[in-house]
Amino acid sequence: MKAKVGIAELKAHLSEYVRAAQKGKEIIIRDRDTPIAKLVPIETRKLPFRVIPASRPFRSSDDMVGFRPTGFTPEEIDRIIDETRADREDEWLNLEKFISTRR
């Protein structure tokens, strides 16, 4: 397989050149001896961190009966949960207001 190929040759054997690119080979595409493009494999991106799959299904905090974070009183936890839910509700209210003014 050629590393430099003309357009007619590429059209005639496109699948072969694509497979070669998948295997890591670079193919220069030429139009009348003038290089015009390059067929290269897509780089696989590595994540900057390691993904650790969950060892068990996610449970919401409401399902965790008896679980309480340490260092907080029950009143503080209830206040934090209420504030979090209020923030989420405020976002939706503001979004609905934004949408209604855009119509």
PDB file of N, CA and C in Angstrom:
ATOM      1  N   MET A   1       0.854  -1.184   0.000  1.00  0.00           N
ATOM      2  CA  MET A   1       0.000   0.000   0.000  1.00  0.00           C
ATOM      3  C   MET A   1       0.897   1.244   0.000  1.00  0.00           C
ATOM      4  N   LYS A   2       0.569   2.177  -0.861  1.00  0.00           N
ATOM      5  CA  LYS A   2       1.364   3.388  -1.024  1.00  0.00           C
ATOM      6  C   LYS A   2       1.094   4.366   0.120  1.00  0.00           C
ATOM      7  N   ALA A   3       2.130   5.117   0.493  1.00  0.00           N
ATOM      8  CA  ALA A   3       1.967   6.166   1.505  1.00  0.00           C
ATOM      9  C   ALA A   3       1.470   7.446   0.846  1.00  0.00           C
ATOM     10  N   LYS A   4       1.677   7.559  -0.467  1.00  0.00           N
ATOM     11  CA  LYS A   4       1.173   8.699  -1.227  1.00  0.00           C
ATOM     12  C   LYS A   4       0.297   8.146  -2.333  1.00  0.00           C
ATOM     13  N   VAL A   5      -0.906   8.724  -2.467  1.00  0.00           N
ATOM     14  CA  VAL A   5      -1.868   8.152  -3.398  1.00  0.00           C
ATOM     15  C   VAL A   5      -2.608   9.270  -4.127  1.00  0.00           C
ATOM     16  N   GLY A   6      -2.933   9.013  -5.381  1.00  0.00           N
ATOM     17  CA  GLY A   6      -3.726   9.961  -6.166  1.00  0.00           C
ATOM     18  C   GLY A   6      -5.207   9.787  -5.851  1.00  0.00           C
ATOM     19  N   ILE A   7      -5.983  10.758  -6.252  1.00  0.00           N
ATOM     20  CA  ILE A   7      -7.422  10.749  -5.954  1.00  0.00           C
ATOM     21  C   ILE A   7      -8.113   9.557  -6.613  1.00  0.00           C
ATOM     22  N   ALA A   8      -7.798   9.255  -7.855  1.00  0.00           N
ATOM     23  CA  ALA A   8      -8.445   8.140  -8.551  1.00  0.00           C
ATOM     24  C   ALA A   8      -8.135   6.814  -7.860  1.00  0.00           C
ATOM     25  N   GLU A   9      -6.889   6.611  -7.477  1.00  0.00           N
ATOM     26  CA  GLU A   9      -6.486   5.393  -6.762  1.00  0.00           C
ATOM     27  C   GLU A   9      -7.183   5.312  -5.409  1.00  0.00           C
ATOM     28  N   LEU A  10      -7.278   6.443  -4.726  1.00  0.00           N
ATOM     29  CA  LEU A  10      -7.947   6.477  -3.418  1.00  0.00           C
ATOM     30  C   LEU A  10      -9.422   6.102  -3.558  1.00  0.00           C
ATOM     31  N   LYS A  11     -10.092   6.653  -4.576  1.00  0.00           N
ATOM     32  CA  LYS A  11     -11.511   6.331  -4.801  1.00  0.00           C
ATOM     33  C   LYS A  11     -11.698   4.851  -5.098  1.00  0.00           C
ATOM     34  N   ALA A  12     -10.797   4.297  -5.878  1.00  0.00           N
ATOM     35  CA  ALA A  12     -10.918   2.900  -6.287  1.00  0.00           C
ATOM     36  C   ALA A  12     -10.700   1.936  -5.113  1.00  0.00           C
ATOM     37  N   HIS A  13      -9.876   2.329  -4.153  1.00  0.00           N
ATOM     38  CA  HIS A  13      -9.521   1.430  -3.042  1.00  0.00           C
ATOM     39  C   HIS A  13      -9.691   2.116  -1.687  1.00  0.00           C
ATOM     40  N   LEU A  14     -10.735   2.900  -1.556  1.00  0.00           N
ATOM     41  CA  LEU A  14     -10.930   3.700  -0.347  1.00  0.00           C
ATOM     42  C   LEU A  14     -10.967   2.858   0.925  1.00  0.00           C
ATOM     43  N   SER A  15     -11.704   1.765   0.904  1.00  0.00           N
ATOM     44  CA  SER A  15     -11.825   0.960   2.125  1.00  0.00           C
ATOM     45  C   SER A  15     -10.470   0.414   2.577  1.00  0.00           C
ATOM     46  N   GLU A  16      -9.611   0.048   1.636  1.00  0.00           N
ATOM     47  CA  GLU A  16      -8.277  -0.455   1.990  1.00  0.00           C
ATOM     48  C   GLU A  16      -7.447   0.648   2.646  1.00  0.00           C
ATOM     49  N   TYR A  17      -7.524   1.862   2.119  1.00  0.00           N
ATOM     50  CA  TYR A  17      -6.757   2.964   2.685  1.00  0.00           C
ATOM     51  C   TYR A  17      -7.304   3.375   4.061  1.00  0.00           C
ATOM     52  N   VAL A  18      -8.614   3.304   4.219  1.00  0.00           N
ATOM     53  CA  VAL A  18      -9.199   3.623   5.523  1.00  0.00           C
ATOM     54  C   VAL A  18      -8.744   2.599   6.558  1.00  0.00           C
ATOM     55  N   ARG A  19      -8.733   1.320   6.196  1.00  0.00           N
ATOM     56  CA  ARG A  19      -8.252   0.289   7.124  1.00  0.00           C
ATOM     57  C   ARG A  19      -6.783   0.510   7.477  1.00  0.00           C
ATOM     58  N   ALA A  20      -5.997   0.919   6.489  1.00  0.00           N
ATOM     59  CA  ALA A  20      -4.584   1.190   6.757  1.00  0.00           C
ATOM     60  C   ALA A  20      -4.443   2.361   7.740  1.00  0.00           C
ATOM     61  N   ALA A  21      -5.273   3.384   7.570  1.00  0.00           N
ATOM     62  CA  ALA A  21      -5.234   4.525   8.486  1.00  0.00           C
ATOM     63  C   ALA A  21      -5.656   4.095   9.889  1.00  0.00           C
ATOM     64  N   GLN A  22      -6.643   3.214   9.982  1.00  0.00           N
ATOM     65  CA  GLN A  22      -7.069   2.720  11.290  1.00  0.00           C
ATOM     66  C   GLN A  22      -5.933   2.004  12.003  1.00  0.00           C
ATOM     67  N   LYS A  23      -5.065   1.371  11.245  1.00  0.00           N
ATOM     68  CA  LYS A  23      -3.938   0.644  11.831  1.00  0.00           C
ATOM     69  C   LYS A  23      -2.752   1.557  12.144  1.00  0.00           C
ATOM     70  N   GLY A  24      -2.879   2.853  11.855  1.00  0.00           N
ATOM     71  CA  GLY A  24      -1.830   3.798  12.222  1.00  0.00           C
ATOM     72  C   GLY A  24      -1.038   4.390  11.078  1.00  0.00           C
ATOM     73  N   LYS A  25      -1.323   3.989   9.862  1.00  0.00           N
ATOM     74  CA  LYS A  25      -0.557   4.494   8.723  1.00  0.00           C
ATOM     75  C   LYS A  25      -1.112   5.843   8.260  1.00  0.00           C
ATOM     76  N   GLU A  26      -0.222   6.741   7.861  1.00  0.00           N
ATOM     77  CA  GLU A  26      -0.625   8.034   7.302  1.00  0.00           C
ATOM     78  C   GLU A  26      -0.559   7.946   5.779  1.00  0.00           C
ATOM     79  N   ILE A  27      -1.597   8.411   5.115  1.00  0.00           N
ATOM     80  CA  ILE A  27      -1.662   8.392   3.656  1.00  0.00           C
ATOM     81  C   ILE A  27      -1.784   9.835   3.163  1.00  0.00           C
ATOM     82  N   ILE A  28      -0.861  10.238   2.330  1.00  0.00           N
ATOM     83  CA  ILE A  28      -0.892  11.566   1.714  1.00  0.00           C
ATOM     84  C   ILE A  28      -1.717  11.463   0.433  1.00  0.00           C
ATOM     85  N   ILE A  29      -2.704  12.316   0.295  1.00  0.00           N
ATOM     86  CA  ILE A  29      -3.550  12.326  -0.900  1.00  0.00           C
ATOM     87  C   ILE A  29      -3.040  13.423  -1.823  1.00  0.00           C
ATOM     88  N   ARG A  30      -2.806  13.051  -3.084  1.00  0.00           N
ATOM     89  CA  ARG A  30      -2.237  13.996  -4.036  1.00  0.00           C
ATOM     90  C   ARG A  30      -3.200  14.244  -5.183  1.00  0.00           C
ATOM     91  N   ASP A  31      -3.114  15.441  -5.717  1.00  0.00           N
ATOM     92  CA  ASP A  31      -3.830  15.790  -6.941  1.00  0.00           C
ATOM     93  C   ASP A  31      -2.772  16.238  -7.938  1.00  0.00           C
ATOM     94  N   ARG A  32      -2.515  15.379  -8.909  1.00  0.00           N
ATOM     95  CA  ARG A  32      -1.467  15.641  -9.915  1.00  0.00           C
ATOM     96  C   ARG A  32      -0.128  15.983  -9.255  1.00  0.00           C
ATOM     97  N   ASP A  33       0.351  15.117  -8.422  1.00  0.00           N
ATOM     98  CA  ASP A  33       1.642  15.225  -7.738  1.00  0.00           C
ATOM     99  C   ASP A  33       1.716  16.341  -6.703  1.00  0.00           C
ATOM    100  N   THR A  34       0.611  17.007  -6.434  1.00  0.00           N
ATOM    101  CA  THR A  34       0.594  18.041  -5.401  1.00  0.00           C
ATOM    102  C   THR A  34      -0.139  17.495  -4.168  1.00  0.00           C
ATOM    103  N   PRO A  35       0.547  17.409  -3.034  1.00  0.00           N
ATOM    104  CA  PRO A  35      -0.120  16.924  -1.826  1.00  0.00           C
ATOM    105  C   PRO A  35      -1.232  17.901  -1.416  1.00  0.00           C
ATOM    106  N   ILE A  36      -2.453  17.365  -1.201  1.00  0.00           N
ATOM    107  CA  ILE A  36      -3.574  18.241  -0.856  1.00  0.00           C
ATOM    108  C   ILE A  36      -4.232  17.870   0.477  1.00  0.00           C
ATOM    109  N   ALA A  37      -4.050  16.629   0.921  1.00  0.00           N
ATOM    110  CA  ALA A  37      -4.691  16.216   2.174  1.00  0.00           C
ATOM    111  C   ALA A  37      -3.943  15.026   2.745  1.00  0.00           C
ATOM    112  N   LYS A  38      -4.273  14.728   4.001  1.00  0.00           N
ATOM    113  CA  LYS A  38      -3.644  13.600   4.670  1.00  0.00           C
ATOM    114  C   LYS A  38      -4.734  12.782   5.364  1.00  0.00           C
ATOM    115  N   LEU A  39      -4.710  11.473   5.179  1.00  0.00           N
ATOM    116  CA  LEU A  39      -5.617  10.556   5.857  1.00  0.00           C
ATOM    117  C   LEU A  39      -4.826   9.944   7.010  1.00  0.00           C
ATOM    118  N   VAL A  40      -5.268  10.257   8.228  1.00  0.00           N
ATOM    119  CA  VAL A  40      -4.544   9.800   9.415  1.00  0.00           C
ATOM    120  C   VAL A  40      -5.514   9.167  10.407  1.00  0.00           C
ATOM    121  N   PRO A  41      -5.002   8.303  11.276  1.00  0.00           N
ATOM    122  CA  PRO A  41      -5.886   7.722  12.291  1.00  0.00           C
ATOM    123  C   PRO A  41      -6.257   8.772  13.336  1.00  0.00           C
ATOM    124  N   ILE A  42      -7.424   8.596  13.937  1.00  0.00           N
ATOM    125  CA  ILE A  42      -7.843   9.484  15.023  1.00  0.00           C
ATOM    126  C   ILE A  42      -7.067   9.099  16.260  1.00  0.00           C
ATOM    127  N   GLU A  43      -6.528  10.082  16.934  1.00  0.00           N
ATOM    128  CA  GLU A  43      -5.790   9.816  18.164  1.00  0.00           C
ATOM    129  C   GLU A  43      -6.764   9.424  19.261  1.00  0.00           C
ATOM    130  N   THR A  44      -6.413   8.404  19.988  1.00  0.00           N
ATOM    131  CA  THR A  44      -7.236   8.055  21.141  1.00  0.00           C
ATOM    132  C   THR A  44      -6.788   8.914  22.302  1.00  0.00           C
ATOM    133  N   ARG A  45      -7.745   9.609  22.885  1.00  0.00           N
ATOM    134  CA  ARG A  45      -7.422  10.517  23.984  1.00  0.00           C
ATOM    135  C   ARG A  45      -7.379   9.746  25.287  1.00  0.00           C
ATOM    136  N   LYS A  46      -6.366  10.014  26.047  1.00  0.00           N
ATOM    137  CA  LYS A  46      -6.272   9.412  27.365  1.00  0.00           C
ATOM    138  C   LYS A  46      -6.816  10.409  28.377  1.00  0.00           C
ATOM    139  N   LEU A  47      -7.612   9.908  29.277  1.00  0.00           N
ATOM    140  CA  LEU A  47      -8.161  10.774  30.311  1.00  0.00           C
ATOM    141  C   LEU A  47      -7.064  11.178  31.293  1.00  0.00           C
ATOM    142  N   PRO A  48      -7.124  12.401  31.810  1.00  0.00           N
ATOM    143  CA  PRO A  48      -6.093  12.836  32.754  1.00  0.00           C
ATOM    144  C   PRO A  48      -6.266  12.200  34.133  1.00  0.00           C
ATOM    145  N   PHE A  49      -7.277  11.371  34.279  1.00  0.00           N
ATOM    146  CA  PHE A  49      -7.529  10.719  35.553  1.00  0.00           C
ATOM    147  C   PHE A  49      -8.020   9.301  35.289  1.00  0.00           C
ATOM    148  N   ARG A  50      -7.970   8.491  36.291  1.00  0.00           N
ATOM    149  CA  ARG A  50      -8.419   7.113  36.154  1.00  0.00           C
ATOM    150  C   ARG A  50      -9.875   7.009  36.580  1.00  0.00           C
ATOM    151  N   VAL A  51     -10.704   6.394  35.768  1.00  0.00           N
ATOM    152  CA  VAL A  51     -12.112   6.219  36.085  1.00  0.00           C
ATOM    153  C   VAL A  51     -12.253   4.927  36.888  1.00  0.00           C
ATOM    154  N   ILE A  52     -12.843   5.061  38.059  1.00  0.00           N
ATOM    155  CA  ILE A  52     -13.084   3.892  38.902  1.00  0.00           C
ATOM    156  C   ILE A  52     -14.581   3.616  38.879  1.00  0.00           C
ATOM    157  N   PRO A  53     -15.001   2.480  38.337  1.00  0.00           N
ATOM    158  CA  PRO A  53     -16.433   2.201  38.271  1.00  0.00           C
ATOM    159  C   PRO A  53     -17.020   2.003  39.666  1.00  0.00           C
ATOM    160  N   ALA A  54     -18.295   2.318  39.789  1.00  0.00           N
ATOM    161  CA  ALA A  54     -18.973   2.175  41.069  1.00  0.00           C
ATOM    162  C   ALA A  54     -19.023   0.705  41.462  1.00  0.00           C
ATOM    163  N   SER A  55     -18.857   0.454  42.740  1.00  0.00           N
ATOM    164  CA  SER A  55     -18.888  -0.923  43.211  1.00  0.00           C
ATOM    165  C   SER A  55     -20.297  -1.364  43.582  1.00  0.00           C
ATOM    166  N   ARG A  56     -21.196  -0.383  43.711  1.00  0.00           N
ATOM    167  CA  ARG A  56     -22.592  -0.707  44.005  1.00  0.00           C
ATOM    168  C   ARG A  56     -23.468   0.398  43.447  1.00  0.00           C
ATOM    169  N   PRO A  57     -24.775   0.160  43.322  1.00  0.00           N
ATOM    170  CA  PRO A  57     -25.659   1.180  42.747  1.00  0.00           C
ATOM    171  C   PRO A  57     -25.720   2.434  43.617  1.00  0.00           C
ATOM    172  N   PHE A  58     -25.962   3.559  42.979  1.00  0.00           N
ATOM    173  CA  PHE A  58     -26.091   4.830  43.680  1.00  0.00           C
ATOM    174  C   PHE A  58     -27.392   4.850  44.465  1.00  0.00           C
ATOM    175  N   ARG A  59     -27.321   5.357  45.665  1.00  0.00           N
ATOM    176  CA  ARG A  59     -28.518   5.527  46.484  1.00  0.00           C
ATOM    177  C   ARG A  59     -28.621   7.003  46.826  1.00  0.00           C
ATOM    178  N   SER A  60     -29.819   7.527  46.765  1.00  0.00           N
ATOM    179  CA  SER A  60     -30.001   8.930  47.114  1.00  0.00           C
ATOM    180  C   SER A  60     -29.867   9.083  48.616  1.00  0.00           C
ATOM    181  N   SER A  61     -29.615  10.302  49.060  1.00  0.00           N
ATOM    182  CA  SER A  61     -29.451  10.541  50.491  1.00  0.00           C
ATOM    183  C   SER A  61     -30.732  10.221  51.270  1.00  0.00           C
ATOM    184  N   ASP A  62     -31.896  10.331  50.601  1.00  0.00           N
ATOM    185  CA  ASP A  62     -33.151   9.993  51.271  1.00  0.00           C
ATOM    186  C   ASP A  62     -33.248   8.490  51.546  1.00  0.00           C
ATOM    187  N   ASP A  63     -32.561   7.670  50.724  1.00  0.00           N
ATOM    188  CA  ASP A  63     -32.599   6.219  50.906  1.00  0.00           C
ATOM    189  C   ASP A  63     -31.613   5.737  51.966  1.00  0.00           C
ATOM    190  N   MET A  64     -30.704   6.577  52.377  1.00  0.00           N
ATOM    191  CA  MET A  64     -29.677   6.172  53.337  1.00  0.00           C
ATOM    192  C   MET A  64     -30.193   6.358  54.760  1.00  0.00           C
ATOM    193  N   VAL A  65     -31.074   5.491  55.161  1.00  0.00           N
ATOM    194  CA  VAL A  65     -31.673   5.573  56.484  1.00  0.00           C
ATOM    195  C   VAL A  65     -30.585   5.377  57.528  1.00  0.00           C
ATOM    196  N   GLY A  66     -30.567   6.268  58.511  1.00  0.00           N
ATOM    197  CA  GLY A  66     -29.597   6.152  59.592  1.00  0.00           C
ATOM    198  C   GLY A  66     -28.248   6.767  59.283  1.00  0.00           C
ATOM    199  N   PHE A  67     -28.018   7.210  58.046  1.00  0.00           N
ATOM    200  CA  PHE A  67     -26.728   7.802  57.701  1.00  0.00           C
ATOM    201  C   PHE A  67     -26.771   9.289  57.980  1.00  0.00           C
ATOM    202  N   ARG A  68     -25.835   9.773  58.734  1.00  0.00           N
ATOM    203  CA  ARG A  68     -25.698  11.205  58.999  1.00  0.00           C
ATOM    204  C   ARG A  68     -24.224  11.572  58.918  1.00  0.00           C
ATOM    205  N   PRO A  69     -23.899  12.614  58.174  1.00  0.00           N
ATOM    206  CA  PRO A  69     -22.511  13.059  58.150  1.00  0.00           C
ATOM    207  C   PRO A  69     -22.083  13.500  59.547  1.00  0.00           C
ATOM    208  N   THR A  70     -20.856  13.235  59.881  1.00  0.00           N
ATOM    209  CA  THR A  70     -20.365  13.624  61.203  1.00  0.00           C
ATOM    210  C   THR A  70     -20.012  15.101  61.219  1.00  0.00           C
ATOM    211  N   GLY A  71     -20.140  15.696  62.377  1.00  0.00           N
ATOM    212  CA  GLY A  71     -19.763  17.097  62.540  1.00  0.00           C
ATOM    213  C   GLY A  71     -20.905  18.069  62.328  1.00  0.00           C
ATOM    214  N   PHE A  72     -22.104  17.597  61.990  1.00  0.00           N
ATOM    215  CA  PHE A  72     -23.257  18.456  61.777  1.00  0.00           C
ATOM    216  C   PHE A  72     -24.391  18.025  62.701  1.00  0.00           C
ATOM    217  N   THR A  73     -25.131  18.992  63.143  1.00  0.00           N
ATOM    218  CA  THR A  73     -26.325  18.665  63.914  1.00  0.00           C
ATOM    219  C   THR A  73     -27.446  18.338  62.928  1.00  0.00           C
ATOM    220  N   PRO A  74     -28.469  17.618  63.359  1.00  0.00           N
ATOM    221  CA  PRO A  74     -29.587  17.319  62.457  1.00  0.00           C
ATOM    222  C   PRO A  74     -30.231  18.581  61.885  1.00  0.00           C
ATOM    223  N   GLU A  75     -30.277  19.662  62.684  1.00  0.00           N
ATOM    224  CA  GLU A  75     -30.867  20.913  62.200  1.00  0.00           C
ATOM    225  C   GLU A  75     -30.027  21.516  61.067  1.00  0.00           C
ATOM    226  N   GLU A  76     -28.696  21.444  61.215  1.00  0.00           N
ATOM    227  CA  GLU A  76     -27.814  21.978  60.166  1.00  0.00           C
ATOM    228  C   GLU A  76     -27.968  21.178  58.869  1.00  0.00           C
ATOM    229  N   ILE A  77     -28.080  19.885  58.979  1.00  0.00           N
ATOM    230  CA  ILE A  77     -28.247  19.040  57.792  1.00  0.00           C
ATOM    231  C   ILE A  77     -29.568  19.374  57.102  1.00  0.00           C
ATOM    232  N   ASP A  78     -30.643  19.502  57.876  1.00  0.00           N
ATOM    233  CA  ASP A  78     -31.938  19.856  57.287  1.00  0.00           C
ATOM    234  C   ASP A  78     -31.871  21.214  56.596  1.00  0.00           C
ATOM    235  N   ARG A  79     -31.176  22.184  57.205  1.00  0.00           N
ATOM    236  CA  ARG A  79     -31.038  23.509  56.617  1.00  0.00           C
ATOM    237  C   ARG A  79     -30.264  23.431  55.294  1.00  0.00           C
ATOM    238  N   ILE A  80     -29.190  22.656  55.272  1.00  0.00           N
ATOM    239  CA  ILE A  80     -28.380  22.512  54.055  1.00  0.00           C
ATOM    240  C   ILE A  80     -29.208  21.881  52.941  1.00  0.00           C
ATOM    241  N   ILE A  81     -29.970  20.830  53.280  1.00  0.00           N
ATOM    242  CA  ILE A  81     -30.809  20.170  52.271  1.00  0.00           C
ATOM    243  C   ILE A  81     -31.860  21.141  51.747  1.00  0.00           C
ATOM    244  N   ASP A  82     -32.491  21.894  52.644  1.00  0.00           N
ATOM    245  CA  ASP A  82     -33.503  22.868  52.216  1.00  0.00           C
ATOM    246  C   ASP A  82     -32.907  23.926  51.306  1.00  0.00           C
ATOM    247  N   GLU A  83     -31.705  24.421  51.642  1.00  0.00           N
ATOM    248  CA  GLU A  83     -31.053  25.434  50.803  1.00  0.00           C
ATOM    249  C   GLU A  83     -30.719  24.866  49.422  1.00  0.00           C
ATOM    250  N   THR A  84     -30.254  23.632  49.390  1.00  0.00           N
ATOM    251  CA  THR A  84     -29.912  23.008  48.111  1.00  0.00           C
ATOM    252  C   THR A  84     -31.152  22.864  47.240  1.00  0.00           C
ATOM    253  N   ARG A  85     -32.229  22.386  47.821  1.00  0.00           N
ATOM    254  CA  ARG A  85     -33.465  22.233  47.057  1.00  0.00           C
ATOM    255  C   ARG A  85     -34.013  23.580  46.614  1.00  0.00           C
ATOM    256  N   ALA A  86     -33.906  24.602  47.466  1.00  0.00           N
ATOM    257  CA  ALA A  86     -34.389  25.938  47.108  1.00  0.00           C
ATOM    258  C   ALA A  86     -33.590  26.494  45.937  1.00  0.00           C
ATOM    259  N   ASP A  87     -32.274  26.293  45.956  1.00  0.00           N
ATOM    260  CA  ASP A  87     -31.442  26.771  44.843  1.00  0.00           C
ATOM    261  C   ASP A  87     -31.881  26.129  43.535  1.00  0.00           C
ATOM    262  N   ARG A  88     -32.146  24.833  43.552  1.00  0.00           N
ATOM    263  CA  ARG A  88     -32.562  24.122  42.348  1.00  0.00           C
ATOM    264  C   ARG A  88     -33.916  24.645  41.871  1.00  0.00           C
ATOM    265  N   GLU A  89     -34.841  24.871  42.803  1.00  0.00           N
ATOM    266  CA  GLU A  89     -36.153  25.392  42.428  1.00  0.00           C
ATOM    267  C   GLU A  89     -36.037  26.798  41.864  1.00  0.00           C
ATOM    268  N   ASP A  90     -35.162  27.619  42.441  1.00  0.00           N
ATOM    269  CA  ASP A  90     -34.958  28.974  41.934  1.00  0.00           C
ATOM    270  C   ASP A  90     -34.466  28.954  40.495  1.00  0.00           C
ATOM    271  N   GLU A  91     -33.564  28.023  40.172  1.00  0.00           N
ATOM    272  CA  GLU A  91     -33.062  27.919  38.803  1.00  0.00           C
ATOM    273  C   GLU A  91     -34.203  27.652  37.830  1.00  0.00           C
ATOM    274  N   TRP A  92     -35.086  26.722  38.183  1.00  0.00           N
ATOM    275  CA  TRP A  92     -36.192  26.402  37.294  1.00  0.00           C
ATOM    276  C   TRP A  92     -37.162  27.571  37.179  1.00  0.00           C
ATOM    277  N   LEU A  93     -37.418  28.259  38.278  1.00  0.00           N
ATOM    278  CA  LEU A  93     -38.313  29.403  38.212  1.00  0.00           C
ATOM    279  C   LEU A  93     -37.728  30.487  37.328  1.00  0.00           C
ATOM    280  N   ASN A  94     -36.439  30.749  37.492  1.00  0.00           N
ATOM    281  CA  ASN A  94     -35.783  31.764  36.664  1.00  0.00           C
ATOM    282  C   ASN A  94     -35.762  31.344  35.200  1.00  0.00           C
ATOM    283  N   LEU A  95     -35.588  30.055  34.942  1.00  0.00           N
ATOM    284  CA  LEU A  95     -35.572  29.570  33.569  1.00  0.00           C
ATOM    285  C   LEU A  95     -36.948  29.745  32.937  1.00  0.00           C
ATOM    286  N   GLU A  96     -38.002  29.407  33.670  1.00  0.00           N
ATOM    287  CA  GLU A  96     -39.349  29.572  33.136  1.00  0.00           C
ATOM    288  C   GLU A  96     -39.633  31.058  32.838  1.00  0.00           C
ATOM    289  N   LYS A  97     -39.187  31.944  33.729  1.00  0.00           N
ATOM    290  CA  LYS A  97     -39.395  33.376  33.516  1.00  0.00           C
ATOM    291  C   LYS A  97     -38.619  33.826  32.282  1.00  0.00           C
ATOM    292  N   PHE A  98     -37.382  33.322  32.125  1.00  0.00           N
ATOM    293  CA  PHE A  98     -36.551  33.682  30.974  1.00  0.00           C
ATOM    294  C   PHE A  98     -37.210  33.231  29.671  1.00  0.00           C
ATOM    295  N   ILE A  99     -37.724  32.000  29.670  1.00  0.00           N
ATOM    296  CA  ILE A  99     -38.363  31.471  28.460  1.00  0.00           C
ATOM    297  C   ILE A  99     -39.621  32.257  28.113  1.00  0.00           C
ATOM    298  N   SER A 100     -40.423  32.590  29.119  1.00  0.00           N
ATOM    299  CA  SER A 100     -41.679  33.314  28.838  1.00  0.00           C
ATOM    300  C   SER A 100     -41.404  34.714  28.302  1.00  0.00           C
ATOM    301  N   THR A 101     -40.301  35.349  28.686  1.00  0.00           N
ATOM    302  CA  THR A 101     -40.006  36.695  28.182  1.00  0.00           C
ATOM    303  C   THR A 101     -39.419  36.651  26.765  1.00  0.00           C
ATOM    304  N   ARG A 102     -38.911  35.487  26.351  1.00  0.00           N
ATOM    305  CA  ARG A 102     -38.291  35.366  25.027  1.00  0.00           C
ATOM    306  C   ARG A 102     -39.317  35.062  23.949  1.00  0.00           C
ATOM    307  N   ARG A 103     -40.525  34.699  24.325  1.00  0.00           N
ATOM    308  CA  ARG A 103     -41.549  34.335  23.326  1.00  0.00           C
ATOM    309  C   ARG A 103     -42.171  35.527  22.703  1.00  0.00           C
TER     310      ARG A 103
END
